[in-house]
Amino acid sequence: MNLSATLILAFGMSMDAFAASIGKGAVLHRPCLREALRTGLIFGVIEAITPLIGWGLGLFASQYIMQWSHWVAFILLSILGTRMIVEGLKDKPDDVHTTATRHSFWILAATAVGTSLDALAIGVGLALLEVNIIQTALFIGMATLLMSTLGIMVGRFIGPLLGKWAEVLGGVVLIGTGLNILLEHLGYLS
């Protein structure tokens, strides 16, 4: 795989994380660049690891992994999205919605895993090709770091416009991302 194909793949893999990061950034109260980089790093590292795992598993059992990764991503993102929607719809004073300045590591990691399961499937497919999997995984991780960091900062500007509905919108984005992954793998979207 040449450099341009690798870059296209890397940025394509980072789009789910970008969308999820916008929702995550919108929920926070004026997230700083440090929090955006932290989120980008968590998403980027997980997104870089998953194609490596997929590549390793692809050497052994590709048909089983490819059959289920989209369902796992859909269920995980739907659970996280539903949780965000429920939290957003709870009757809380407005100041509660604007005081969080960072997400927990575990919430970000779970979201990153949900958005990176397509990279796991790509890793399975790459096992069948002669590619430098380390280089490809690093490109995917760096693109995701960049796009997730950018997503948090974009969410920073969207959040104040939405007020307490930012968390609901973030949940809808996560569910939509999971549904998109599912429909793509089932062949309904191209």
N, C-alpha and C. Protein backbone atom coordinates (compact mmCIF):
# COMPACT_ATOMS: atom_id res chain seq x y z
N MET A 1 0.86 -1.16 0.00
CA MET A 1 0.00 0.00 0.00
C MET A 1 0.91 1.23 0.00
N ASN A 2 0.63 2.19 -0.91
CA ASN A 2 1.47 3.37 -1.00
C ASN A 2 1.08 4.41 0.06
N LEU A 3 1.86 5.49 0.13
CA LEU A 3 1.66 6.49 1.17
C LEU A 3 0.30 7.18 1.06
N SER A 4 -0.11 7.54 -0.15
CA SER A 4 -1.40 8.22 -0.29
C SER A 4 -2.56 7.31 0.12
N ALA A 5 -2.50 6.04 -0.23
CA ALA A 5 -3.55 5.09 0.17
C ALA A 5 -3.56 4.93 1.69
N THR A 6 -2.39 4.91 2.30
CA THR A 6 -2.29 4.79 3.75
C THR A 6 -2.89 6.02 4.43
N LEU A 7 -2.61 7.20 3.91
CA LEU A 7 -3.16 8.43 4.49
C LEU A 7 -4.67 8.49 4.34
N ILE A 8 -5.18 8.09 3.20
CA ILE A 8 -6.63 8.07 2.99
C ILE A 8 -7.28 7.10 3.97
N LEU A 9 -6.68 5.92 4.12
CA LEU A 9 -7.18 4.94 5.07
C LEU A 9 -7.15 5.51 6.50
N ALA A 10 -6.03 6.14 6.86
CA ALA A 10 -5.87 6.66 8.22
C ALA A 10 -6.92 7.72 8.54
N PHE A 11 -7.12 8.66 7.64
CA PHE A 11 -8.11 9.71 7.91
C PHE A 11 -9.53 9.17 7.82
N GLY A 12 -9.74 8.19 6.97
CA GLY A 12 -11.06 7.55 6.92
C GLY A 12 -11.39 6.84 8.22
N MET A 13 -10.40 6.19 8.79
CA MET A 13 -10.60 5.51 10.07
C MET A 13 -10.82 6.49 11.21
N SER A 14 -10.32 7.72 11.08
CA SER A 14 -10.43 8.69 12.18
C SER A 14 -11.75 9.44 12.19
N MET A 15 -12.58 9.31 11.19
CA MET A 15 -13.81 10.10 11.11
C MET A 15 -14.83 9.76 12.20
N ASP A 16 -14.95 8.50 12.57
CA ASP A 16 -15.85 8.13 13.66
C ASP A 16 -15.41 8.77 14.97
N ALA A 17 -14.10 8.73 15.22
CA ALA A 17 -13.57 9.34 16.43
C ALA A 17 -13.76 10.86 16.40
N PHE A 18 -13.63 11.47 15.23
CA PHE A 18 -13.86 12.91 15.09
C PHE A 18 -15.29 13.27 15.49
N ALA A 19 -16.25 12.53 14.95
CA ALA A 19 -17.66 12.80 15.26
C ALA A 19 -17.94 12.62 16.75
N ALA A 20 -17.42 11.54 17.33
CA ALA A 20 -17.62 11.30 18.77
C ALA A 20 -16.96 12.39 19.61
N SER A 21 -15.80 12.86 19.17
CA SER A 21 -15.08 13.90 19.91
C SER A 21 -15.82 15.23 19.89
N ILE A 22 -16.49 15.53 18.80
CA ILE A 22 -17.28 16.76 18.76
C ILE A 22 -18.35 16.70 19.86
N GLY A 23 -19.03 15.55 19.95
CA GLY A 23 -20.03 15.39 21.00
C GLY A 23 -19.42 15.48 22.39
N LYS A 24 -18.26 14.87 22.57
CA LYS A 24 -17.60 14.92 23.88
C LYS A 24 -17.18 16.34 24.22
N GLY A 25 -16.67 17.08 23.24
CA GLY A 25 -16.26 18.46 23.48
C GLY A 25 -17.43 19.38 23.76
N ALA A 26 -18.57 19.11 23.13
CA ALA A 26 -19.75 19.95 23.32
C ALA A 26 -20.29 19.85 24.73
N VAL A 27 -20.08 18.73 25.39
CA VAL A 27 -20.60 18.51 26.73
C VAL A 27 -19.76 19.22 27.79
N LEU A 28 -18.49 19.42 27.50
CA LEU A 28 -17.59 20.00 28.48
C LEU A 28 -17.72 21.52 28.53
N HIS A 29 -17.38 22.08 29.68
CA HIS A 29 -17.36 23.53 29.84
C HIS A 29 -16.00 24.06 29.35
N ARG A 30 -16.02 24.68 28.21
CA ARG A 30 -14.82 25.30 27.62
C ARG A 30 -13.58 24.41 27.74
N PRO A 31 -13.58 23.24 27.08
CA PRO A 31 -12.42 22.37 27.19
C PRO A 31 -11.16 23.06 26.67
N CYS A 32 -10.08 22.90 27.39
CA CYS A 32 -8.81 23.52 26.99
C CYS A 32 -8.08 22.61 26.01
N LEU A 33 -7.04 23.16 25.42
CA LEU A 33 -6.26 22.40 24.45
C LEU A 33 -5.64 21.16 25.10
N ARG A 34 -5.28 21.27 26.37
CA ARG A 34 -4.71 20.12 27.09
C ARG A 34 -5.70 18.95 27.13
N GLU A 35 -6.98 19.25 27.44
CA GLU A 35 -8.00 18.21 27.48
C GLU A 35 -8.26 17.65 26.08
N ALA A 36 -8.22 18.53 25.08
CA ALA A 36 -8.40 18.07 23.70
C ALA A 36 -7.26 17.14 23.29
N LEU A 37 -6.04 17.47 23.66
CA LEU A 37 -4.89 16.61 23.34
C LEU A 37 -4.96 15.30 24.12
N ARG A 38 -5.40 15.36 25.38
CA ARG A 38 -5.57 14.14 26.18
C ARG A 38 -6.57 13.20 25.51
N THR A 39 -7.71 13.76 25.10
CA THR A 39 -8.72 12.97 24.41
C THR A 39 -8.17 12.42 23.11
N GLY A 40 -7.50 13.28 22.34
CA GLY A 40 -6.91 12.84 21.08
C GLY A 40 -5.89 11.72 21.28
N LEU A 41 -5.10 11.83 22.33
CA LEU A 41 -4.11 10.79 22.62
C LEU A 41 -4.77 9.46 22.97
N ILE A 42 -5.79 9.51 23.81
CA ILE A 42 -6.51 8.27 24.18
C ILE A 42 -7.12 7.63 22.94
N PHE A 43 -7.83 8.44 22.15
CA PHE A 43 -8.45 7.92 20.93
C PHE A 43 -7.39 7.42 19.96
N GLY A 44 -6.31 8.19 19.79
CA GLY A 44 -5.26 7.83 18.84
C GLY A 44 -4.55 6.54 19.20
N VAL A 45 -4.20 6.38 20.47
CA VAL A 45 -3.51 5.16 20.89
C VAL A 45 -4.41 3.93 20.69
N ILE A 46 -5.65 4.04 21.10
CA ILE A 46 -6.56 2.90 20.94
C ILE A 46 -6.80 2.61 19.46
N GLU A 47 -6.96 3.67 18.65
CA GLU A 47 -7.18 3.49 17.22
C GLU A 47 -5.94 2.90 16.54
N ALA A 48 -4.74 3.15 17.07
CA ALA A 48 -3.52 2.57 16.52
C ALA A 48 -3.35 1.10 16.93
N ILE A 49 -3.81 0.77 18.12
CA ILE A 49 -3.66 -0.59 18.62
C ILE A 49 -4.64 -1.56 17.95
N THR A 50 -5.85 -1.10 17.69
CA THR A 50 -6.87 -2.03 17.18
C THR A 50 -6.54 -2.64 15.81
N PRO A 51 -5.95 -1.91 14.84
CA PRO A 51 -5.59 -2.62 13.61
C PRO A 51 -4.49 -3.65 13.83
N LEU A 52 -3.62 -3.39 14.81
CA LEU A 52 -2.58 -4.37 15.13
C LEU A 52 -3.20 -5.65 15.68
N ILE A 53 -4.18 -5.47 16.57
CA ILE A 53 -4.90 -6.63 17.12
C ILE A 53 -5.63 -7.35 16.00
N GLY A 54 -6.32 -6.58 15.16
CA GLY A 54 -7.05 -7.17 14.04
C GLY A 54 -6.13 -7.90 13.09
N TRP A 55 -4.98 -7.33 12.83
CA TRP A 55 -3.99 -7.96 11.94
C TRP A 55 -3.54 -9.30 12.53
N GLY A 56 -3.24 -9.29 13.84
CA GLY A 56 -2.83 -10.53 14.50
C GLY A 56 -3.93 -11.58 14.49
N LEU A 57 -5.13 -11.15 14.81
CA LEU A 57 -6.26 -12.08 14.80
C LEU A 57 -6.60 -12.53 13.38
N GLY A 58 -6.39 -11.62 12.44
CA GLY A 58 -6.70 -11.93 11.04
C GLY A 58 -5.84 -13.04 10.49
N LEU A 59 -4.68 -13.18 11.04
CA LEU A 59 -3.81 -14.28 10.61
C LEU A 59 -4.41 -15.63 10.98
N PHE A 60 -5.31 -15.63 11.97
CA PHE A 60 -5.86 -16.88 12.46
C PHE A 60 -7.34 -17.09 12.15
N ALA A 61 -8.16 -16.06 12.37
CA ALA A 61 -9.60 -16.31 12.31
C ALA A 61 -10.37 -15.12 11.73
N SER A 62 -10.02 -14.68 10.55
CA SER A 62 -10.59 -13.46 10.00
C SER A 62 -12.11 -13.52 9.83
N GLN A 63 -12.65 -14.62 9.38
CA GLN A 63 -14.09 -14.64 9.11
C GLN A 63 -14.93 -14.46 10.37
N TYR A 64 -14.44 -14.92 11.52
CA TYR A 64 -15.21 -14.78 12.76
C TYR A 64 -15.19 -13.35 13.28
N ILE A 65 -14.04 -12.70 13.20
CA ILE A 65 -13.89 -11.33 13.68
C ILE A 65 -14.70 -10.38 12.82
N MET A 66 -14.60 -10.52 11.51
CA MET A 66 -15.29 -9.62 10.59
C MET A 66 -16.81 -9.73 10.75
N GLN A 67 -17.29 -10.90 11.13
CA GLN A 67 -18.73 -11.10 11.27
C GLN A 67 -19.33 -10.34 12.44
N TRP A 68 -18.56 -10.07 13.48
CA TRP A 68 -19.14 -9.54 14.70
C TRP A 68 -18.67 -8.15 15.10
N SER A 69 -17.59 -7.63 14.54
CA SER A 69 -17.04 -6.35 15.01
C SER A 69 -18.03 -5.21 14.87
N HIS A 70 -18.81 -5.19 13.80
CA HIS A 70 -19.77 -4.10 13.61
C HIS A 70 -20.90 -4.16 14.64
N TRP A 71 -21.30 -5.35 15.04
CA TRP A 71 -22.34 -5.49 16.07
C TRP A 71 -21.82 -5.02 17.42
N VAL A 72 -20.58 -5.38 17.74
CA VAL A 72 -19.98 -4.96 19.02
C VAL A 72 -19.87 -3.44 19.06
N ALA A 73 -19.41 -2.82 17.96
CA ALA A 73 -19.29 -1.36 17.90
C ALA A 73 -20.66 -0.70 18.07
N PHE A 74 -21.66 -1.22 17.37
CA PHE A 74 -23.01 -0.67 17.45
C PHE A 74 -23.56 -0.74 18.87
N ILE A 75 -23.43 -1.89 19.51
CA ILE A 75 -23.97 -2.08 20.87
C ILE A 75 -23.23 -1.18 21.86
N LEU A 76 -21.90 -1.16 21.79
CA LEU A 76 -21.11 -0.35 22.72
C LEU A 76 -21.43 1.13 22.57
N LEU A 77 -21.44 1.63 21.33
CA LEU A 77 -21.73 3.05 21.12
C LEU A 77 -23.18 3.39 21.46
N SER A 78 -24.09 2.46 21.24
CA SER A 78 -25.49 2.70 21.60
C SER A 78 -25.67 2.78 23.11
N ILE A 79 -24.98 1.93 23.85
CA ILE A 79 -25.05 1.98 25.31
C ILE A 79 -24.49 3.30 25.82
N LEU A 80 -23.30 3.69 25.31
CA LEU A 80 -22.70 4.95 25.74
C LEU A 80 -23.57 6.14 25.33
N GLY A 81 -24.10 6.11 24.11
CA GLY A 81 -24.96 7.20 23.64
C GLY A 81 -26.24 7.31 24.44
N THR A 82 -26.86 6.17 24.73
CA THR A 82 -28.09 6.17 25.53
C THR A 82 -27.82 6.73 26.92
N ARG A 83 -26.68 6.36 27.49
CA ARG A 83 -26.30 6.88 28.80
C ARG A 83 -26.17 8.40 28.76
N MET A 84 -25.54 8.91 27.69
CA MET A 84 -25.39 10.36 27.57
C MET A 84 -26.75 11.05 27.41
N ILE A 85 -27.64 10.45 26.63
CA ILE A 85 -28.97 11.04 26.42
C ILE A 85 -29.75 11.07 27.73
N VAL A 86 -29.72 9.96 28.47
CA VAL A 86 -30.42 9.91 29.76
C VAL A 86 -29.86 10.96 30.71
N GLU A 87 -28.53 11.07 30.79
CA GLU A 87 -27.92 12.08 31.66
C GLU A 87 -28.30 13.48 31.22
N GLY A 88 -28.35 13.72 29.91
CA GLY A 88 -28.70 15.03 29.39
C GLY A 88 -30.14 15.42 29.64
N LEU A 89 -31.02 14.43 29.67
CA LEU A 89 -32.45 14.70 29.87
C LEU A 89 -32.85 14.77 31.34
N LYS A 90 -31.96 14.34 32.25
CA LYS A 90 -32.26 14.45 33.67
C LYS A 90 -32.45 15.91 34.03
N ASP A 91 -33.39 16.15 34.92
CA ASP A 91 -33.68 17.52 35.33
C ASP A 91 -32.63 17.96 36.33
N LYS A 92 -31.63 18.69 35.81
CA LYS A 92 -30.56 19.20 36.66
C LYS A 92 -30.48 20.71 36.47
N PRO A 93 -29.98 21.42 37.47
CA PRO A 93 -29.79 22.86 37.27
C PRO A 93 -28.81 23.10 36.12
N ASP A 94 -28.97 24.22 35.42
CA ASP A 94 -28.12 24.52 34.27
C ASP A 94 -26.64 24.56 34.60
N ASP A 95 -26.29 25.00 35.82
CA ASP A 95 -24.87 25.10 36.15
C ASP A 95 -24.21 23.74 36.25
N VAL A 96 -24.95 22.67 36.50
CA VAL A 96 -24.38 21.33 36.55
C VAL A 96 -23.89 20.93 35.16
N HIS A 97 -24.60 21.34 34.13
CA HIS A 97 -24.24 20.98 32.76
C HIS A 97 -23.00 21.71 32.27
N THR A 98 -22.59 22.75 32.94
CA THR A 98 -21.50 23.56 32.41
C THR A 98 -20.23 23.49 33.25
N THR A 99 -20.17 22.65 34.26
CA THR A 99 -19.00 22.64 35.12
C THR A 99 -17.99 21.55 34.80
N ALA A 100 -18.37 20.51 34.09
CA ALA A 100 -17.42 19.44 33.79
C ALA A 100 -16.37 19.95 32.81
N THR A 101 -15.11 19.78 33.17
CA THR A 101 -14.03 20.24 32.30
C THR A 101 -13.25 19.09 31.67
N ARG A 102 -13.56 17.87 32.09
CA ARG A 102 -12.90 16.72 31.47
C ARG A 102 -13.75 15.48 31.66
N HIS A 103 -13.54 14.52 30.75
CA HIS A 103 -14.22 13.23 30.83
C HIS A 103 -13.30 12.25 31.54
N SER A 104 -13.88 11.24 32.15
CA SER A 104 -13.04 10.23 32.79
C SER A 104 -12.30 9.43 31.72
N PHE A 105 -11.16 8.91 32.11
CA PHE A 105 -10.37 8.09 31.19
C PHE A 105 -11.19 6.92 30.67
N TRP A 106 -11.96 6.30 31.56
CA TRP A 106 -12.69 5.08 31.17
C TRP A 106 -13.82 5.37 30.19
N ILE A 107 -14.49 6.50 30.34
CA ILE A 107 -15.53 6.88 29.38
C ILE A 107 -14.90 7.14 28.02
N LEU A 108 -13.78 7.86 28.00
CA LEU A 108 -13.11 8.13 26.73
C LEU A 108 -12.57 6.84 26.11
N ALA A 109 -12.01 5.96 26.93
CA ALA A 109 -11.48 4.70 26.41
C ALA A 109 -12.60 3.83 25.83
N ALA A 110 -13.73 3.75 26.52
CA ALA A 110 -14.85 2.95 26.01
C ALA A 110 -15.37 3.53 24.70
N THR A 111 -15.46 4.84 24.62
CA THR A 111 -15.91 5.48 23.38
C THR A 111 -14.89 5.22 22.27
N ALA A 112 -13.62 5.33 22.60
CA ALA A 112 -12.57 5.08 21.61
C ALA A 112 -12.60 3.64 21.10
N VAL A 113 -12.83 2.71 22.00
CA VAL A 113 -12.93 1.30 21.58
C VAL A 113 -14.11 1.14 20.63
N GLY A 114 -15.23 1.73 20.98
CA GLY A 114 -16.42 1.63 20.12
C GLY A 114 -16.19 2.19 18.74
N THR A 115 -15.48 3.33 18.67
CA THR A 115 -15.25 3.94 17.35
C THR A 115 -14.08 3.30 16.61
N SER A 116 -13.29 2.48 17.28
CA SER A 116 -12.12 1.91 16.61
C SER A 116 -12.31 0.45 16.19
N LEU A 117 -13.47 -0.11 16.44
CA LEU A 117 -13.67 -1.51 16.04
C LEU A 117 -13.65 -1.68 14.53
N ASP A 118 -13.96 -0.62 13.78
CA ASP A 118 -13.82 -0.72 12.34
C ASP A 118 -12.34 -0.83 11.96
N ALA A 119 -11.46 -0.20 12.74
CA ALA A 119 -10.02 -0.34 12.50
C ALA A 119 -9.56 -1.76 12.81
N LEU A 120 -10.21 -2.41 13.76
CA LEU A 120 -9.91 -3.82 14.03
C LEU A 120 -10.23 -4.65 12.80
N ALA A 121 -11.39 -4.39 12.21
CA ALA A 121 -11.78 -5.12 11.00
C ALA A 121 -10.83 -4.82 9.84
N ILE A 122 -10.40 -3.56 9.74
CA ILE A 122 -9.43 -3.20 8.69
C ILE A 122 -8.13 -3.96 8.92
N GLY A 123 -7.73 -4.07 10.17
CA GLY A 123 -6.51 -4.82 10.49
C GLY A 123 -6.61 -6.27 10.05
N VAL A 124 -7.79 -6.86 10.21
CA VAL A 124 -8.01 -8.23 9.74
C VAL A 124 -7.80 -8.29 8.23
N GLY A 125 -8.38 -7.33 7.53
CA GLY A 125 -8.21 -7.29 6.07
C GLY A 125 -6.77 -7.05 5.65
N LEU A 126 -6.06 -6.22 6.41
CA LEU A 126 -4.66 -5.93 6.08
C LEU A 126 -3.77 -7.14 6.29
N ALA A 127 -4.21 -8.08 7.13
CA ALA A 127 -3.43 -9.30 7.34
C ALA A 127 -3.36 -10.12 6.06
N LEU A 128 -4.34 -9.93 5.18
CA LEU A 128 -4.37 -10.66 3.93
C LEU A 128 -3.52 -10.00 2.85
N LEU A 129 -3.08 -8.76 3.11
CA LEU A 129 -2.26 -8.01 2.15
C LEU A 129 -0.83 -7.91 2.68
N GLU A 130 0.07 -7.58 1.81
CA GLU A 130 1.44 -7.36 2.24
C GLU A 130 1.61 -5.87 2.52
N VAL A 131 1.36 -5.49 3.76
CA VAL A 131 1.50 -4.09 4.17
C VAL A 131 2.39 -4.03 5.40
N ASN A 132 2.96 -2.85 5.59
CA ASN A 132 3.71 -2.60 6.81
C ASN A 132 2.68 -2.21 7.87
N ILE A 133 2.24 -3.15 8.67
CA ILE A 133 1.15 -2.93 9.61
C ILE A 133 1.52 -1.93 10.70
N ILE A 134 2.78 -1.91 11.10
CA ILE A 134 3.22 -0.95 12.13
C ILE A 134 3.08 0.48 11.59
N GLN A 135 3.58 0.71 10.39
CA GLN A 135 3.48 2.03 9.78
C GLN A 135 2.02 2.44 9.58
N THR A 136 1.22 1.53 9.09
CA THR A 136 -0.19 1.82 8.85
C THR A 136 -0.91 2.14 10.16
N ALA A 137 -0.65 1.35 11.19
CA ALA A 137 -1.28 1.59 12.50
C ALA A 137 -0.85 2.94 13.08
N LEU A 138 0.43 3.30 12.90
CA LEU A 138 0.91 4.59 13.39
C LEU A 138 0.22 5.74 12.66
N PHE A 139 0.06 5.62 11.35
CA PHE A 139 -0.64 6.65 10.59
C PHE A 139 -2.10 6.78 11.05
N ILE A 140 -2.75 5.64 11.27
CA ILE A 140 -4.14 5.66 11.75
C ILE A 140 -4.21 6.33 13.12
N GLY A 141 -3.30 5.98 14.01
CA GLY A 141 -3.28 6.58 15.34
C GLY A 141 -3.01 8.07 15.31
N MET A 142 -2.06 8.51 14.47
CA MET A 142 -1.75 9.95 14.39
C MET A 142 -2.91 10.73 13.77
N ALA A 143 -3.54 10.18 12.74
CA ALA A 143 -4.70 10.86 12.13
C ALA A 143 -5.83 10.97 13.15
N THR A 144 -6.04 9.92 13.93
CA THR A 144 -7.10 9.93 14.94
C THR A 144 -6.78 10.92 16.05
N LEU A 145 -5.53 10.97 16.48
CA LEU A 145 -5.12 11.95 17.49
C LEU A 145 -5.44 13.35 16.99
N LEU A 146 -5.07 13.65 15.77
CA LEU A 146 -5.31 14.98 15.19
C LEU A 146 -6.81 15.28 15.09
N MET A 147 -7.57 14.35 14.54
CA MET A 147 -9.00 14.59 14.31
C MET A 147 -9.79 14.62 15.61
N SER A 148 -9.43 13.80 16.59
CA SER A 148 -10.13 13.81 17.88
C SER A 148 -9.83 15.09 18.64
N THR A 149 -8.60 15.54 18.59
CA THR A 149 -8.24 16.82 19.23
C THR A 149 -9.03 17.95 18.59
N LEU A 150 -9.08 17.95 17.27
CA LEU A 150 -9.85 18.96 16.54
C LEU A 150 -11.34 18.85 16.89
N GLY A 151 -11.85 17.63 17.02
CA GLY A 151 -13.25 17.41 17.36
C GLY A 151 -13.62 18.01 18.71
N ILE A 152 -12.76 17.84 19.70
CA ILE A 152 -13.01 18.43 21.03
C ILE A 152 -13.09 19.94 20.92
N MET A 153 -12.16 20.52 20.14
CA MET A 153 -12.15 21.98 20.02
C MET A 153 -13.36 22.49 19.24
N VAL A 154 -13.80 21.77 18.23
CA VAL A 154 -15.03 22.14 17.52
C VAL A 154 -16.22 22.04 18.48
N GLY A 155 -16.25 20.97 19.26
CA GLY A 155 -17.31 20.80 20.25
C GLY A 155 -17.33 21.90 21.29
N ARG A 156 -16.16 22.47 21.57
CA ARG A 156 -16.07 23.58 22.52
C ARG A 156 -16.94 24.75 22.07
N PHE A 157 -17.01 24.99 20.78
CA PHE A 157 -17.79 26.11 20.26
C PHE A 157 -19.26 25.75 20.06
N ILE A 158 -19.52 24.48 19.83
CA ILE A 158 -20.90 24.04 19.64
C ILE A 158 -21.62 23.92 20.98
N GLY A 159 -20.91 23.46 22.01
CA GLY A 159 -21.50 23.22 23.33
C GLY A 159 -22.25 24.41 23.90
N PRO A 160 -21.64 25.61 23.96
CA PRO A 160 -22.37 26.76 24.52
C PRO A 160 -23.62 27.13 23.72
N LEU A 161 -23.62 26.85 22.45
CA LEU A 161 -24.80 27.15 21.63
C LEU A 161 -25.95 26.21 21.98
N LEU A 162 -25.62 24.98 22.37
CA LEU A 162 -26.65 23.98 22.63
C LEU A 162 -27.09 23.94 24.09
N GLY A 163 -26.25 24.47 24.98
CA GLY A 163 -26.60 24.44 26.40
C GLY A 163 -26.71 23.02 26.90
N LYS A 164 -27.77 22.76 27.69
CA LYS A 164 -27.92 21.44 28.30
C LYS A 164 -28.23 20.35 27.28
N TRP A 165 -28.58 20.73 26.05
CA TRP A 165 -28.88 19.74 25.01
C TRP A 165 -27.61 19.18 24.37
N ALA A 166 -26.44 19.72 24.72
CA ALA A 166 -25.19 19.24 24.14
C ALA A 166 -24.96 17.76 24.45
N GLU A 167 -25.26 17.36 25.68
CA GLU A 167 -25.05 15.97 26.07
C GLU A 167 -26.01 15.05 25.32
N VAL A 168 -27.24 15.49 25.12
CA VAL A 168 -28.20 14.71 24.35
C VAL A 168 -27.71 14.56 22.92
N LEU A 169 -27.25 15.66 22.32
CA LEU A 169 -26.73 15.61 20.96
C LEU A 169 -25.51 14.70 20.87
N GLY A 170 -24.64 14.77 21.87
CA GLY A 170 -23.47 13.89 21.90
C GLY A 170 -23.88 12.42 21.91
N GLY A 171 -24.90 12.10 22.70
CA GLY A 171 -25.42 10.72 22.74
C GLY A 171 -26.00 10.29 21.41
N VAL A 172 -26.74 11.20 20.78
CA VAL A 172 -27.31 10.89 19.46
C VAL A 172 -26.20 10.66 18.44
N VAL A 173 -25.13 11.47 18.51
CA VAL A 173 -23.99 11.29 17.60
C VAL A 173 -23.35 9.92 17.80
N LEU A 174 -23.18 9.50 19.05
CA LEU A 174 -22.58 8.19 19.32
C LEU A 174 -23.47 7.06 18.78
N ILE A 175 -24.76 7.15 19.03
CA ILE A 175 -25.68 6.12 18.52
C ILE A 175 -25.68 6.13 17.00
N GLY A 176 -25.69 7.33 16.41
CA GLY A 176 -25.64 7.44 14.95
C GLY A 176 -24.37 6.87 14.37
N THR A 177 -23.24 7.09 15.04
CA THR A 177 -21.97 6.54 14.59
C THR A 177 -22.02 5.01 14.63
N GLY A 178 -22.54 4.46 15.71
CA GLY A 178 -22.67 3.01 15.82
C GLY A 178 -23.59 2.45 14.75
N LEU A 179 -24.70 3.13 14.52
CA LEU A 179 -25.65 2.70 13.49
C LEU A 179 -25.02 2.77 12.11
N ASN A 180 -24.24 3.82 11.87
CA ASN A 180 -23.55 3.95 10.58
C ASN A 180 -22.58 2.80 10.36
N ILE A 181 -21.82 2.45 11.39
CA ILE A 181 -20.88 1.32 11.29
C ILE A 181 -21.65 0.04 10.97
N LEU A 182 -22.74 -0.18 11.68
CA LEU A 182 -23.55 -1.38 11.47
C LEU A 182 -24.11 -1.43 10.05
N LEU A 183 -24.71 -0.34 9.60
CA LEU A 183 -25.32 -0.32 8.27
C LEU A 183 -24.29 -0.46 7.16
N GLU A 184 -23.12 0.13 7.34
CA GLU A 184 -22.05 -0.02 6.35
C GLU A 184 -21.65 -1.48 6.22
N HIS A 185 -21.43 -2.14 7.33
CA HIS A 185 -21.01 -3.54 7.30
C HIS A 185 -22.10 -4.47 6.82
N LEU A 186 -23.35 -4.09 6.99
CA LEU A 186 -24.45 -4.92 6.50
C LEU A 186 -24.75 -4.64 5.02
N GLY A 187 -24.07 -3.64 4.45
CA GLY A 187 -24.20 -3.35 3.03
C GLY A 187 -25.31 -2.39 2.67
N TYR A 188 -25.89 -1.69 3.66
CA TYR A 188 -26.96 -0.75 3.36
C TYR A 188 -26.42 0.63 2.97
N LEU A 189 -25.18 0.92 3.37
CA LEU A 189 -24.52 2.18 3.00
C LEU A 189 -23.25 1.83 2.23
N SER A 190 -22.91 2.66 1.30
CA SER A 190 -21.66 2.39 0.57
C SER A 190 -20.69 3.50 0.69
